[in-house]
Amino acid sequence: MSLDTRSLADMVKSWVHYDNLAATFNRQAQQARTARSRWESQVIDFLKESKMTNAIIQIAGGRLTVNEEKHAQPLTLQRLEQLLHEYHNSNRPAGSNDETGDIMNYIKSHRGHTVETRLKKS
């Protein structure tokens, strides 16, 4: 085996190792997020049933409080189209056209993209 082929083999072995490691970490992280979410729901349900949603729970390294978080919906092309239809239906004078279809076609055709060269395991 030549030096270049051996070097390529080492690089491929390393890539496969770290690809497998990343996949394992992703699975473990997903499982941890799922378990954390389940426990969080149980704690919040308990606090609501006990009428203690304003409680401050001391833990090692900090405190836990119940907070409400506001998350914006992802702005997908489908959601954008829906919002444009709603806008045109609520703000257009009688007889004017809903140009949503034309706007969406323009956005889709001019969206742009990037190309990356990657290794793919199959």
Protein backbone atom coordinates (compact mmCIF):
# COMPACT_ATOMS: atom_id res chain seq x y z
CA MET A 1 0.00 0.00 0.00
CA SER A 2 1.50 3.33 -0.98
CA LEU A 3 1.90 6.19 1.45
CA ASP A 4 -0.94 8.18 -0.16
CA THR A 5 -3.35 5.24 -0.02
CA ARG A 6 -2.45 4.56 3.62
CA SER A 7 -3.02 8.23 4.44
CA LEU A 8 -6.41 8.16 2.71
CA ALA A 9 -7.34 4.99 4.60
CA ASP A 10 -6.41 6.65 7.91
CA MET A 11 -8.47 9.73 7.06
CA VAL A 12 -11.49 7.60 6.08
CA LYS A 13 -11.20 5.53 9.29
CA SER A 14 -11.09 8.72 11.35
CA TRP A 15 -14.07 10.18 9.50
CA VAL A 16 -16.13 7.00 10.05
CA HIS A 17 -15.17 6.94 13.74
CA TYR A 18 -16.24 10.54 14.32
CA ASP A 19 -19.36 10.15 12.19
CA ASN A 20 -20.39 7.19 14.37
CA LEU A 21 -19.49 9.13 17.52
CA ALA A 22 -21.59 12.12 16.41
CA ALA A 23 -24.54 9.84 15.63
CA THR A 24 -24.26 8.24 19.07
CA PHE A 25 -24.12 11.63 20.79
CA ASN A 26 -27.13 12.85 18.80
CA ARG A 27 -29.16 9.80 19.84
CA GLN A 28 -28.14 10.23 23.49
CA ALA A 29 -28.92 13.95 23.40
CA GLN A 30 -32.36 13.26 21.91
CA GLN A 31 -33.09 10.66 24.58
CA ALA A 32 -31.94 13.07 27.31
CA ARG A 33 -34.14 15.88 25.92
CA THR A 34 -37.13 13.52 25.80
CA ALA A 35 -36.59 12.38 29.41
CA ARG A 36 -36.02 15.96 30.60
CA SER A 37 -39.24 17.07 28.90
CA ARG A 38 -41.19 14.23 30.54
CA TRP A 39 -39.85 15.14 34.01
CA GLU A 40 -40.45 18.84 33.37
CA SER A 41 -44.10 18.14 32.51
CA GLN A 42 -44.54 16.09 35.68
CA VAL A 43 -42.99 18.80 37.88
CA ILE A 44 -45.09 21.56 36.29
CA ASP A 45 -48.28 19.46 36.57
CA PHE A 46 -47.53 18.80 40.24
CA LEU A 47 -46.90 22.50 40.92
CA LYS A 48 -50.14 23.47 39.12
CA GLU A 49 -52.19 20.89 41.03
CA SER A 50 -50.66 22.12 44.29
CA LYS A 51 -51.25 25.76 43.28
CA MET A 52 -47.53 26.43 43.70
CA THR A 53 -46.64 27.76 40.24
CA ASN A 54 -44.87 30.73 41.85
CA ALA A 55 -42.61 28.45 43.90
CA ILE A 56 -38.84 28.85 43.74
CA ILE A 57 -37.09 25.50 44.03
CA GLN A 58 -33.49 25.60 45.29
CA ILE A 59 -31.24 23.08 43.56
CA ALA A 60 -27.50 22.54 43.47
CA GLY A 61 -26.17 25.18 41.14
CA GLY A 62 -29.22 27.43 41.00
CA ARG A 63 -32.96 27.79 41.33
CA LEU A 64 -35.94 26.52 39.37
CA THR A 65 -38.94 28.71 38.63
CA VAL A 66 -41.92 28.22 36.34
CA ASN A 67 -41.69 30.55 33.36
CA GLU A 68 -43.73 30.95 30.22
CA GLU A 69 -41.71 31.19 27.05
CA LYS A 70 -42.97 32.67 23.83
CA HIS A 71 -41.66 31.09 20.62
CA ALA A 72 -42.27 32.52 17.17
CA GLN A 73 -43.56 30.09 14.57
CA PRO A 74 -40.97 29.16 11.98
CA LEU A 75 -41.36 31.29 8.87
CA THR A 76 -41.72 28.55 6.29
CA LEU A 77 -42.74 29.26 2.72
CA GLN A 78 -46.14 27.71 3.45
CA ARG A 79 -46.63 29.97 6.49
CA LEU A 80 -45.46 33.01 4.51
CA GLU A 81 -48.00 32.23 1.79
CA GLN A 82 -50.78 31.88 4.38
CA LEU A 83 -49.85 35.23 5.96
CA LEU A 84 -49.76 36.96 2.56
CA HIS A 85 -53.25 35.63 1.75
CA GLU A 86 -54.49 36.92 5.12
CA TYR A 87 -52.84 40.29 4.48
CA HIS A 88 -54.40 40.64 1.03
CA ASN A 89 -57.82 39.56 2.26
CA SER A 90 -57.83 42.03 5.14
CA ASN A 91 -56.11 45.06 3.57
CA ARG A 92 -57.05 45.19 -0.09
CA PRO A 93 -59.70 47.44 -1.51
CA ALA A 94 -62.63 45.84 -3.31
CA GLY A 95 -61.74 44.70 -6.81
CA SER A 96 -57.97 44.48 -6.31
CA ASN A 97 -56.12 41.22 -6.92
CA ASP A 98 -54.52 38.90 -4.40
CA GLU A 99 -50.98 38.71 -5.75
CA THR A 100 -49.84 36.07 -3.28
CA GLY A 101 -49.33 33.39 -5.93
CA ASP A 102 -47.14 35.67 -8.04
CA ILE A 103 -45.14 36.78 -4.98
CA MET A 104 -44.60 33.17 -3.83
CA ASN A 105 -43.52 32.05 -7.31
CA TYR A 106 -41.02 34.90 -7.41
CA ILE A 107 -39.65 34.06 -3.93
CA LYS A 108 -39.34 30.35 -4.78
CA SER A 109 -37.58 31.00 -8.08
CA HIS A 110 -35.16 33.54 -6.57
CA ARG A 111 -34.58 31.81 -3.24
CA GLY A 112 -31.02 30.77 -4.01
CA HIS A 113 -29.01 27.93 -2.53
CA THR A 114 -25.53 26.90 -1.60
CA VAL A 115 -23.75 23.72 -2.57
CA GLU A 116 -21.46 21.84 -0.19
CA THR A 117 -19.39 18.81 -1.04
CA ARG A 118 -19.81 16.25 1.75
CA LEU A 119 -19.15 12.59 2.45
CA LYS A 120 -22.28 10.48 2.73
CA LYS A 121 -22.49 7.11 4.41
CA SER A 122 -25.03 4.66 3.03
